Amino acid sequence: MNNNLKSPVNIPVEKIRPFEGHPYKVLDNEEMNSLIQSIQEQGVLSPVLLRPIENTDEYEVISGHRRLHATVKAGMKEVPALIYAVSRDEAAIMLVDSNLHREHILPSERAFAYKLKLEAIKRQGERTDLTSSQVATKFDSATEIGNITGESRDKVYRYIRLTYLIPELLEMMDEDKIALSVGVELSFLDEQMQYDLLRVIEEQECTPSYSQAWHMHKDFTAGTLTTESIENTLTAEKPNQKAMFKLPLEQVQKFYPNANKKQLEDYVMKACEYYNKALQRQRSRDRDAR
């Protein structure tokens, strides 16, 4: 295998493959459109990092999945690249490390990134202390991973626990609807119980607090968690919880089509204020008529 090349070389995009199982999402959003436009106008300013795939003439991405995607979208046939002749496990570690300093990393991305790196280190045999015990040793691989982002060993393991969540709950974490501590507790439920919980969340339009998630985890471990107990737990009033008034969305949307949730809330509040003022005027007229 060739030695690592220190200068960028142009590689045909058709010969490049994404890193299988990489944790980072490549989305066709506004940010991606801006990157595509930049590449069309200026080219790829920062080379992607690649590794040769053994026994082929193809390459695997170490860093630059978004740049590669944008390059293809921009209609370009080649992309500048730095080639690193490393093993797949070495590439996995490089992939994770090169992305952990990004400004925006979703909880799901961080969770699978930590898991990917920990498994790669384990296969390399560089550590023998890769258990998920809650008692931290002075130096271990999870501590090493956390040092990059200033996080503790235990927090690294808490993120890795999130990889046991069903995709729908993990997406709710990415949308900041579920806190890390809650997601960790829910990750101990099996898949069926998690889907039962998801159904209740959608029906009741609520998410569990840490206390509720902890109790569900505890009941599941004891073998007493049921669909009914999930519903009872989730519908119980939380401390300091304000009473909520619910109205079917379609009943309001027929008066204000295509409005988003915030606009509908404002519409309902203004309608209530208008009705209250009209009611007060009517009561005043009734008093004057007596």
Protein backbone atom coordinates (compact mmCIF):
# COMPACT_ATOMS: atom_id res chain seq x y z
CA MET A 1 0.00 0.00 0.00
CA ASN A 2 1.20 3.50 -0.83
CA ASN A 3 2.61 5.76 1.86
CA ASN A 4 0.44 8.65 3.05
CA LEU A 5 0.37 11.49 0.53
CA LYS A 6 1.01 14.91 2.02
CA SER A 7 -0.24 16.91 -0.98
CA PRO A 8 -3.86 16.90 -2.23
CA VAL A 9 -4.64 14.82 -5.30
CA ASN A 10 -7.84 14.87 -7.36
CA ILE A 11 -9.85 11.68 -6.94
CA PRO A 12 -12.91 10.80 -9.09
CA VAL A 13 -16.02 10.98 -6.89
CA GLU A 14 -17.22 7.70 -8.40
CA LYS A 15 -14.32 5.94 -6.69
CA ILE A 16 -15.14 7.30 -3.21
CA ARG A 17 -17.39 5.53 -0.70
CA PRO A 18 -18.85 6.92 2.55
CA PHE A 19 -17.38 5.46 5.71
CA GLU A 20 -19.78 2.62 6.47
CA GLY A 21 -21.63 3.27 9.73
CA HIS A 22 -20.34 6.81 10.18
CA PRO A 23 -22.45 8.69 12.75
CA TYR A 24 -22.76 12.13 11.16
CA LYS A 25 -25.88 13.18 9.28
CA VAL A 26 -25.55 14.61 5.78
CA LEU A 27 -28.69 16.69 5.21
CA ASP A 28 -29.95 18.49 2.13
CA ASN A 29 -30.77 21.69 3.98
CA GLU A 30 -30.04 25.40 3.64
CA GLU A 31 -26.51 24.96 4.96
CA MET A 32 -25.85 22.29 2.35
CA ASN A 33 -27.22 24.54 -0.41
CA SER A 34 -24.78 27.26 0.68
CA LEU A 35 -21.90 24.76 0.56
CA ILE A 36 -22.93 23.62 -2.92
CA GLN A 37 -23.02 27.21 -4.14
CA SER A 38 -19.60 27.89 -2.60
CA ILE A 39 -18.11 24.83 -4.33
CA GLN A 40 -19.64 25.84 -7.65
CA GLU A 41 -18.09 29.29 -7.34
CA GLN A 42 -14.74 28.54 -5.67
CA GLY A 43 -14.23 24.80 -5.78
CA VAL A 44 -13.52 22.60 -2.75
CA LEU A 45 -11.29 24.74 -0.54
CA SER A 46 -10.47 22.06 2.04
CA PRO A 47 -9.49 18.58 0.79
CA VAL A 48 -11.42 15.56 2.04
CA LEU A 49 -9.50 12.86 3.91
CA LEU A 50 -9.62 9.37 2.39
CA ARG A 51 -8.18 5.92 3.00
CA PRO A 52 -7.59 3.32 0.26
CA ILE A 53 -10.02 0.40 0.53
CA GLU A 54 -8.01 -2.81 0.68
CA ASN A 55 -7.71 -4.84 -2.56
CA THR A 56 -9.61 -2.22 -4.62
CA ASP A 57 -8.91 1.00 -6.49
CA GLU A 58 -11.54 2.79 -4.40
CA TYR A 59 -11.39 5.00 -1.31
CA GLU A 60 -13.33 5.43 1.92
CA VAL A 61 -14.07 8.83 3.47
CA ILE A 62 -12.39 9.61 6.79
CA SER A 63 -13.42 13.25 6.93
CA GLY A 64 -15.50 15.32 4.50
CA HIS A 65 -18.78 13.48 3.93
CA ARG A 66 -20.64 16.79 3.60
CA ARG A 67 -18.03 18.23 1.23
CA LEU A 68 -18.17 15.09 -0.91
CA HIS A 69 -21.99 15.20 -1.02
CA ALA A 70 -21.93 18.88 -1.98
CA THR A 71 -19.29 18.20 -4.65
CA VAL A 72 -21.51 15.57 -6.26
CA LYS A 73 -24.54 17.87 -6.01
CA ALA A 74 -22.50 20.65 -7.61
CA GLY A 75 -21.92 18.40 -10.63
CA MET A 76 -18.17 18.03 -10.16
CA LYS A 77 -16.47 14.79 -11.17
CA GLU A 78 -13.41 15.01 -8.91
CA VAL A 79 -12.61 16.21 -5.41
CA PRO A 80 -9.23 17.18 -3.91
CA ALA A 81 -8.20 14.68 -1.25
CA LEU A 82 -5.46 13.75 1.17
CA ILE A 83 -4.84 10.02 1.18
CA TYR A 84 -4.01 8.23 4.43
CA ALA A 85 -2.93 4.58 4.25
CA VAL A 86 -4.46 3.53 7.57
CA SER A 87 -6.54 0.63 8.82
CA ARG A 88 -10.29 0.98 9.12
CA ASP A 89 -10.09 1.18 12.90
CA GLU A 90 -7.45 3.89 12.68
CA ALA A 91 -9.69 5.68 10.18
CA ALA A 92 -12.67 5.39 12.54
CA ILE A 93 -10.72 7.11 15.30
CA MET A 94 -9.57 9.84 12.91
CA LEU A 95 -13.15 10.29 11.65
CA VAL A 96 -14.54 10.80 15.14
CA ASP A 97 -11.72 13.10 16.29
CA SER A 98 -11.95 15.29 13.19
CA ASN A 99 -15.65 15.99 13.80
CA LEU A 100 -15.96 16.35 17.57
CA HIS A 101 -14.96 20.01 17.51
CA ARG A 102 -17.78 20.96 15.15
CA GLU A 103 -20.01 23.75 16.47
CA HIS A 104 -23.23 21.76 16.15
CA ILE A 105 -23.24 18.05 16.94
CA LEU A 106 -26.54 16.28 17.53
CA PRO A 107 -26.86 13.95 20.54
CA SER A 108 -27.36 11.00 18.19
CA GLU A 109 -24.19 11.89 16.27
CA ARG A 110 -22.17 12.19 19.47
CA ALA A 111 -23.60 8.91 20.80
CA PHE A 112 -22.70 6.83 17.73
CA ALA A 113 -19.37 8.64 17.32
CA TYR A 114 -18.31 7.73 20.85
CA LYS A 115 -19.45 4.14 20.31
CA LEU A 116 -17.60 3.90 16.99
CA LYS A 117 -14.33 5.15 18.48
CA LEU A 118 -14.60 3.02 21.61
CA GLU A 119 -15.17 -0.14 19.55
CA ALA A 120 -12.28 0.75 17.24
CA ILE A 121 -9.91 1.20 20.19
CA LYS A 122 -11.11 -2.07 21.68
CA ARG A 123 -10.40 -3.96 18.46
CA GLN A 124 -6.94 -2.41 18.29
CA GLY A 125 -6.22 -3.90 21.69
CA GLU A 126 -4.88 -0.62 23.01
CA ARG A 127 -6.93 -0.90 26.21
CA THR A 128 -8.18 -3.74 28.37
CA ASP A 129 -10.52 -1.68 30.57
CA LEU A 130 -13.41 -1.14 28.14
CA THR A 131 -16.24 -2.24 30.43
CA SER A 132 -19.27 -0.01 30.95
CA SER A 133 -19.02 -0.07 34.72
CA GLN A 134 -20.08 3.06 36.55
CA VAL A 135 -16.83 3.14 38.59
CA ALA A 136 -14.27 5.21 36.72
CA THR A 137 -10.68 4.06 36.52
CA LYS A 138 -7.96 6.70 36.45
CA PHE A 139 -7.06 6.16 32.79
CA ASP A 140 -9.18 4.33 30.23
CA SER A 141 -10.45 4.72 26.69
CA ALA A 142 -13.70 6.46 27.62
CA THR A 143 -11.72 9.02 29.62
CA GLU A 144 -9.44 9.49 26.62
CA ILE A 145 -12.47 10.08 24.36
CA GLY A 146 -14.02 12.53 26.80
CA ASN A 147 -10.80 14.50 27.11
CA ILE A 148 -11.23 15.73 23.54
CA THR A 149 -14.47 17.54 24.40
CA GLY A 150 -13.91 18.07 28.12
CA GLU A 151 -16.46 15.45 29.17
CA SER A 152 -16.17 12.83 31.90
CA ARG A 153 -15.82 9.12 31.34
CA ASP A 154 -19.31 8.53 32.72
CA LYS A 155 -20.85 11.10 30.38
CA VAL A 156 -19.23 9.34 27.43
CA TYR A 157 -20.94 6.13 28.52
CA ARG A 158 -24.24 7.97 29.01
CA TYR A 159 -24.07 9.14 25.41
CA ILE A 160 -23.27 5.61 24.23
CA ARG A 161 -26.40 4.39 26.07
CA LEU A 162 -28.44 6.53 23.68
CA THR A 163 -27.55 4.16 20.84
CA TYR A 164 -30.05 1.73 22.41
CA LEU A 165 -32.95 4.13 21.80
CA ILE A 166 -35.35 3.53 18.94
CA PRO A 167 -34.86 6.02 16.07
CA GLU A 168 -38.02 7.98 16.90
CA LEU A 169 -36.95 8.68 20.49
CA LEU A 170 -33.42 9.47 19.38
CA GLU A 171 -34.84 11.99 16.91
CA MET A 172 -36.78 13.61 19.76
CA MET A 173 -33.46 14.00 21.59
CA ASP A 174 -31.93 15.62 18.51
CA GLU A 175 -34.90 18.02 18.47
CA ASP A 176 -34.23 18.87 22.14
CA LYS A 177 -37.58 17.45 23.25
CA ILE A 178 -35.96 14.90 25.57
CA ALA A 179 -33.03 15.62 27.90
CA LEU A 180 -29.87 13.49 27.98
CA SER A 181 -30.63 12.15 31.47
CA VAL A 182 -34.14 11.14 30.37
CA GLY A 183 -32.88 9.47 27.20
CA VAL A 184 -30.37 7.42 29.18
CA GLU A 185 -33.08 6.05 31.49
CA LEU A 186 -35.40 5.25 28.56
CA SER A 187 -32.57 3.42 26.74
CA PHE A 188 -32.86 0.58 29.27
CA LEU A 189 -36.39 -0.23 28.07
CA ASP A 190 -36.61 -2.87 25.37
CA GLU A 191 -37.72 -1.95 21.86
CA GLN A 192 -41.38 -2.89 22.33
CA MET A 193 -41.70 -0.87 25.53
CA GLN A 194 -40.03 2.08 23.84
CA TYR A 195 -42.58 1.94 21.02
CA ASP A 196 -45.39 1.68 23.56
CA LEU A 197 -43.97 4.77 25.25
CA LEU A 198 -43.73 6.56 21.90
CA ARG A 199 -47.42 5.90 21.24
CA VAL A 200 -48.39 7.40 24.61
CA ILE A 201 -46.12 10.40 24.00
CA GLU A 202 -47.83 11.05 20.67
CA GLU A 203 -51.34 10.52 22.03
CA GLN A 204 -50.86 12.64 25.14
CA GLU A 205 -48.60 15.22 23.45
CA CYS A 206 -46.13 15.15 26.33
CA THR A 207 -42.66 13.86 27.14
CA PRO A 208 -41.45 12.14 30.31
CA SER A 209 -39.61 13.96 33.08
CA TYR A 210 -36.43 12.47 34.52
CA SER A 211 -38.41 11.13 37.51
CA GLN A 212 -40.94 9.45 35.23
CA ALA A 213 -38.22 7.95 33.04
CA TRP A 214 -36.36 6.69 36.12
CA HIS A 215 -39.50 5.00 37.44
CA MET A 216 -40.14 3.34 34.07
CA HIS A 217 -36.54 2.09 34.00
CA LYS A 218 -36.92 0.76 37.53
CA ASP A 219 -40.24 -0.96 36.75
CA PHE A 220 -38.84 -2.49 33.55
CA THR A 221 -35.87 -3.92 35.45
CA ALA A 222 -38.29 -5.38 37.99
CA GLY A 223 -40.44 -6.85 35.22
CA THR A 224 -43.52 -4.83 36.21
CA LEU A 225 -43.62 -2.26 33.41
CA THR A 226 -46.70 -2.52 31.19
CA THR A 227 -48.33 -0.38 28.53
CA GLU A 228 -50.94 0.65 31.08
CA SER A 229 -48.34 1.64 33.67
CA ILE A 230 -46.46 3.66 31.04
CA GLU A 231 -49.64 5.59 30.30
CA ASN A 232 -50.42 6.08 34.00
CA THR A 233 -46.88 7.31 34.66
CA LEU A 234 -46.81 9.70 31.74
CA THR A 235 -50.24 11.19 32.39
CA ALA A 236 -49.57 11.78 36.08
CA GLU A 237 -49.23 15.48 36.84
CA LYS A 238 -45.61 16.52 37.20
CA PRO A 239 -44.46 18.77 40.06
CA ASN A 240 -45.17 22.42 39.28
CA GLN A 241 -46.90 21.36 36.09
CA LYS A 242 -49.48 23.81 34.81
CA ALA A 243 -52.88 22.57 33.76
CA MET A 244 -53.13 22.32 29.97
CA PHE A 245 -56.13 22.93 27.75
CA LYS A 246 -56.01 20.86 24.57
CA LEU A 247 -57.88 21.53 21.34
CA PRO A 248 -57.73 19.39 18.18
CA LEU A 249 -55.45 21.14 15.69
CA GLU A 250 -57.76 20.67 12.73
CA GLN A 251 -60.56 22.52 14.51
CA VAL A 252 -58.46 25.70 14.61
CA GLN A 253 -56.72 25.24 11.25
CA LYS A 254 -60.02 25.48 9.35
CA PHE A 255 -60.14 29.14 10.44
CA TYR A 256 -56.43 29.78 9.78
CA PRO A 257 -55.13 27.36 7.09
CA ASN A 258 -51.37 26.76 6.67
CA ALA A 259 -50.55 28.44 10.00
CA ASN A 260 -47.83 26.96 12.20
CA LYS A 261 -48.34 26.04 15.85
CA LYS A 262 -47.17 29.39 17.24
CA GLN A 263 -49.40 31.32 14.84
CA LEU A 264 -52.38 29.17 15.83
CA GLU A 265 -51.69 29.75 19.54
CA ASP A 266 -51.59 33.52 18.92
CA TYR A 267 -54.76 33.30 16.87
CA VAL A 268 -56.64 31.47 19.64
CA MET A 269 -55.42 33.90 22.32
CA LYS A 270 -56.43 36.94 20.26
CA ALA A 271 -59.81 35.35 19.54
CA CYS A 272 -60.32 34.80 23.28
CA GLU A 273 -59.35 38.42 24.03
CA TYR A 274 -61.71 39.71 21.32
CA TYR A 275 -64.56 37.53 22.61
CA ASN A 276 -63.92 38.64 26.21
CA LYS A 277 -64.07 42.31 25.21
CA ALA A 278 -67.26 41.74 23.23
CA LEU A 279 -68.78 39.92 26.21
CA GLN A 280 -67.90 42.80 28.54
CA ARG A 281 -69.48 45.32 26.15
CA GLN A 282 -72.65 43.23 25.97
CA ARG A 283 -72.84 43.00 29.77
CA SER A 284 -72.37 46.76 30.02
CA ARG A 285 -75.23 47.35 27.56
CA ASP A 286 -77.42 44.93 29.50
CA ARG A 287 -76.77 46.85 32.74
CA ASP A 288 -77.55 50.17 31.06
CA ALA A 289 -80.80 48.78 29.68
CA ARG A 290 -82.10 47.84 33.13
